[in-house]
Amino acid sequence: MRKTTSTNTINKEQLEANCGIAYTNSILNGRWKLSILAFLLDEKTLRYSELKNRLTGISERMLITKLKELQMDNLINRISYPEVPPRVEYELSEKGKSLKNILIQMAEWGTKNSTV
């Protein structure tokens, strides 16, 4: 965690406030967030275990962390049902749904330009 008064933190905040690409990148950064959003875009609603199964190689800790970050950024909604055993589902929020065209274009670009 960076100090809130460090030059690096201040520069990052100013860049994100004044540049849409930098802000978008800061929200969608990391290996897993785009995949989580893409799966929710395709499936509409997924349970925690379904997301875990689709994201090959992700740890429990990382999945929980990324889901919390996406919730804090208002990109996904967490729906908790008062049942035994507990059932939790995730879906895209309206803000998350607004990324649909971007996610589709990124997928198409990646497919077209992938060298693997």
C-alpha atoms as a PDB file:
ATOM      1  CA  MET A   1       0.000   0.000   0.000  1.00  0.00           C
ATOM      2  CA  ARG A   2       1.399   3.379  -1.002  1.00  0.00           C
ATOM      3  CA  LYS A   3       1.408   6.385   1.249  1.00  0.00           C
ATOM      4  CA  THR A   4      -1.453   8.691   0.313  1.00  0.00           C
ATOM      5  CA  THR A   5       0.906  11.676   0.334  1.00  0.00           C
ATOM      6  CA  SER A   6       3.590  10.149  -1.895  1.00  0.00           C
ATOM      7  CA  THR A   7       4.347  11.810  -5.216  1.00  0.00           C
ATOM      8  CA  ASN A   8       3.572   8.554  -7.016  1.00  0.00           C
ATOM      9  CA  THR A   9       0.092   8.336  -5.441  1.00  0.00           C
ATOM     10  CA  ILE A  10      -0.670  11.997  -6.155  1.00  0.00           C
ATOM     11  CA  ASN A  11       0.459  11.661  -9.793  1.00  0.00           C
ATOM     12  CA  LYS A  12      -1.627   8.501 -10.220  1.00  0.00           C
ATOM     13  CA  GLU A  13      -4.741  10.193  -8.832  1.00  0.00           C
ATOM     14  CA  GLN A  14      -4.267  13.263 -11.048  1.00  0.00           C
ATOM     15  CA  LEU A  15      -3.708  11.139 -14.152  1.00  0.00           C
ATOM     16  CA  GLU A  16      -6.808   9.036 -13.476  1.00  0.00           C
ATOM     17  CA  ALA A  17      -8.894  12.150 -12.816  1.00  0.00           C
ATOM     18  CA  ASN A  18      -7.828  13.777 -16.097  1.00  0.00           C
ATOM     19  CA  CYS A  19      -7.453  10.827 -18.464  1.00  0.00           C
ATOM     20  CA  GLY A  20     -10.280   8.437 -19.251  1.00  0.00           C
ATOM     21  CA  ILE A  21      -7.935   5.703 -20.460  1.00  0.00           C
ATOM     22  CA  ALA A  22      -5.892   5.842 -17.240  1.00  0.00           C
ATOM     23  CA  TYR A  23      -9.066   5.677 -15.135  1.00  0.00           C
ATOM     24  CA  THR A  24     -10.437   2.745 -17.147  1.00  0.00           C
ATOM     25  CA  ASN A  25      -7.117   0.944 -16.889  1.00  0.00           C
ATOM     26  CA  SER A  26      -7.004   1.432 -13.122  1.00  0.00           C
ATOM     27  CA  ILE A  27     -10.500  -0.055 -12.755  1.00  0.00           C
ATOM     28  CA  LEU A  28      -9.913  -3.031 -15.072  1.00  0.00           C
ATOM     29  CA  ASN A  29      -6.272  -3.743 -14.194  1.00  0.00           C
ATOM     30  CA  GLY A  30      -4.979  -7.169 -13.309  1.00  0.00           C
ATOM     31  CA  ARG A  31      -5.207 -10.620 -14.761  1.00  0.00           C
ATOM     32  CA  TRP A  32      -8.669 -11.633 -13.583  1.00  0.00           C
ATOM     33  CA  LYS A  33     -11.084  -8.693 -13.631  1.00  0.00           C
ATOM     34  CA  LEU A  34     -11.684  -8.695 -17.383  1.00  0.00           C
ATOM     35  CA  SER A  35     -12.337 -12.441 -17.352  1.00  0.00           C
ATOM     36  CA  ILE A  36     -14.815 -12.121 -14.475  1.00  0.00           C
ATOM     37  CA  LEU A  37     -16.640  -9.330 -16.305  1.00  0.00           C
ATOM     38  CA  ALA A  38     -16.661 -11.300 -19.570  1.00  0.00           C
ATOM     39  CA  PHE A  39     -18.131 -14.398 -17.905  1.00  0.00           C
ATOM     40  CA  LEU A  40     -20.832 -12.291 -16.253  1.00  0.00           C
ATOM     41  CA  LEU A  41     -21.537 -10.586 -19.577  1.00  0.00           C
ATOM     42  CA  ASP A  42     -22.087 -13.992 -21.205  1.00  0.00           C
ATOM     43  CA  GLU A  43     -23.948 -15.715 -18.369  1.00  0.00           C
ATOM     44  CA  LYS A  44     -25.802 -12.776 -16.767  1.00  0.00           C
ATOM     45  CA  THR A  45     -25.626 -14.297 -13.241  1.00  0.00           C
ATOM     46  CA  LEU A  46     -23.092 -16.716 -11.791  1.00  0.00           C
ATOM     47  CA  ARG A  47     -22.602 -18.261  -8.375  1.00  0.00           C
ATOM     48  CA  TYR A  48     -19.243 -17.959  -6.676  1.00  0.00           C
ATOM     49  CA  SER A  49     -18.417 -21.626  -7.341  1.00  0.00           C
ATOM     50  CA  GLU A  50     -19.287 -21.257 -11.036  1.00  0.00           C
ATOM     51  CA  LEU A  51     -16.903 -18.318 -11.369  1.00  0.00           C
ATOM     52  CA  LYS A  52     -14.199 -20.254  -9.504  1.00  0.00           C
ATOM     53  CA  ASN A  53     -14.585 -23.212 -11.894  1.00  0.00           C
ATOM     54  CA  ARG A  54     -14.394 -21.020 -15.011  1.00  0.00           C
ATOM     55  CA  LEU A  55     -11.317 -19.092 -13.855  1.00  0.00           C
ATOM     56  CA  THR A  56      -8.719 -21.832 -14.127  1.00  0.00           C
ATOM     57  CA  GLY A  57      -5.740 -21.150 -11.885  1.00  0.00           C
ATOM     58  CA  ILE A  58      -7.240 -18.439  -9.670  1.00  0.00           C
ATOM     59  CA  SER A  59      -6.876 -18.867  -5.918  1.00  0.00           C
ATOM     60  CA  GLU A  60      -9.767 -18.426  -3.477  1.00  0.00           C
ATOM     61  CA  ARG A  61      -8.070 -15.384  -1.987  1.00  0.00           C
ATOM     62  CA  MET A  62      -7.519 -13.734  -5.375  1.00  0.00           C
ATOM     63  CA  LEU A  63     -11.095 -14.380  -6.526  1.00  0.00           C
ATOM     64  CA  ILE A  64     -12.529 -12.939  -3.322  1.00  0.00           C
ATOM     65  CA  THR A  65     -10.233  -9.904  -3.611  1.00  0.00           C
ATOM     66  CA  LYS A  66     -11.126  -9.220  -7.253  1.00  0.00           C
ATOM     67  CA  LEU A  67     -14.853  -9.659  -6.627  1.00  0.00           C
ATOM     68  CA  LYS A  68     -14.669  -7.168  -3.745  1.00  0.00           C
ATOM     69  CA  GLU A  69     -12.740  -4.684  -5.904  1.00  0.00           C
ATOM     70  CA  LEU A  70     -15.302  -4.992  -8.703  1.00  0.00           C
ATOM     71  CA  GLN A  71     -18.094  -4.441  -6.163  1.00  0.00           C
ATOM     72  CA  MET A  72     -16.349  -1.374  -4.699  1.00  0.00           C
ATOM     73  CA  ASP A  73     -16.031   0.047  -8.221  1.00  0.00           C
ATOM     74  CA  ASN A  74     -19.769  -0.621  -8.750  1.00  0.00           C
ATOM     75  CA  LEU A  75     -19.150  -2.910 -11.742  1.00  0.00           C
ATOM     76  CA  ILE A  76     -20.842  -5.975 -10.244  1.00  0.00           C
ATOM     77  CA  ASN A  77     -23.630  -6.683  -7.788  1.00  0.00           C
ATOM     78  CA  ARG A  78     -23.400  -9.355  -5.104  1.00  0.00           C
ATOM     79  CA  ILE A  79     -26.705 -11.061  -4.384  1.00  0.00           C
ATOM     80  CA  SER A  80     -26.815 -12.987  -1.121  1.00  0.00           C
ATOM     81  CA  TYR A  81     -29.705 -15.351  -0.402  1.00  0.00           C
ATOM     82  CA  PRO A  82     -30.642 -16.168   3.220  1.00  0.00           C
ATOM     83  CA  GLU A  83     -30.501 -19.936   2.757  1.00  0.00           C
ATOM     84  CA  VAL A  84     -28.699 -22.863   4.309  1.00  0.00           C
ATOM     85  CA  PRO A  85     -26.206 -23.474   2.849  1.00  0.00           C
ATOM     86  CA  PRO A  86     -25.608 -19.844   1.871  1.00  0.00           C
ATOM     87  CA  ARG A  87     -25.979 -18.963  -1.796  1.00  0.00           C
ATOM     88  CA  VAL A  88     -24.233 -15.976  -3.354  1.00  0.00           C
ATOM     89  CA  GLU A  89     -24.561 -14.859  -6.961  1.00  0.00           C
ATOM     90  CA  TYR A  90     -22.868 -12.133  -8.936  1.00  0.00           C
ATOM     91  CA  GLU A  91     -24.168 -10.069 -11.836  1.00  0.00           C
ATOM     92  CA  LEU A  92     -23.069  -7.019 -13.769  1.00  0.00           C
ATOM     93  CA  SER A  93     -24.354  -3.720 -12.437  1.00  0.00           C
ATOM     94  CA  GLU A  94     -25.620  -1.060 -14.825  1.00  0.00           C
ATOM     95  CA  LYS A  95     -22.142   0.489 -14.779  1.00  0.00           C
ATOM     96  CA  GLY A  96     -20.664  -2.941 -15.526  1.00  0.00           C
ATOM     97  CA  LYS A  97     -23.119  -3.498 -18.381  1.00  0.00           C
ATOM     98  CA  SER A  98     -21.950  -0.216 -19.881  1.00  0.00           C
ATOM     99  CA  LEU A  99     -18.616  -1.972 -20.583  1.00  0.00           C
ATOM    100  CA  LYS A 100     -20.277  -4.442 -22.965  1.00  0.00           C
ATOM    101  CA  ASN A 101     -19.048  -2.886 -26.214  1.00  0.00           C
ATOM    102  CA  ILE A 102     -15.544  -2.381 -24.838  1.00  0.00           C
ATOM    103  CA  LEU A 103     -15.315  -6.007 -23.675  1.00  0.00           C
ATOM    104  CA  ILE A 104     -16.584  -7.309 -27.017  1.00  0.00           C
ATOM    105  CA  GLN A 105     -14.126  -5.136 -28.946  1.00  0.00           C
ATOM    106  CA  MET A 106     -11.260  -6.264 -26.711  1.00  0.00           C
ATOM    107  CA  ALA A 107     -12.188  -9.920 -27.276  1.00  0.00           C
ATOM    108  CA  GLU A 108     -12.385  -9.413 -31.047  1.00  0.00           C
ATOM    109  CA  TRP A 109      -9.079  -7.546 -31.123  1.00  0.00           C
ATOM    110  CA  GLY A 110      -7.395 -10.229 -29.035  1.00  0.00           C
ATOM    111  CA  THR A 111      -8.695 -13.018 -31.256  1.00  0.00           C
ATOM    112  CA  LYS A 112      -7.601 -11.197 -34.400  1.00  0.00           C
ATOM    113  CA  ASN A 113      -4.137 -10.289 -33.140  1.00  0.00           C
ATOM    114  CA  SER A 114      -3.228 -13.260 -30.964  1.00  0.00           C
ATOM    115  CA  THR A 115      -0.030 -14.972 -31.990  1.00  0.00           C
ATOM    116  CA  VAL A 116      -0.603 -18.056 -29.831  1.00  0.00           C
END
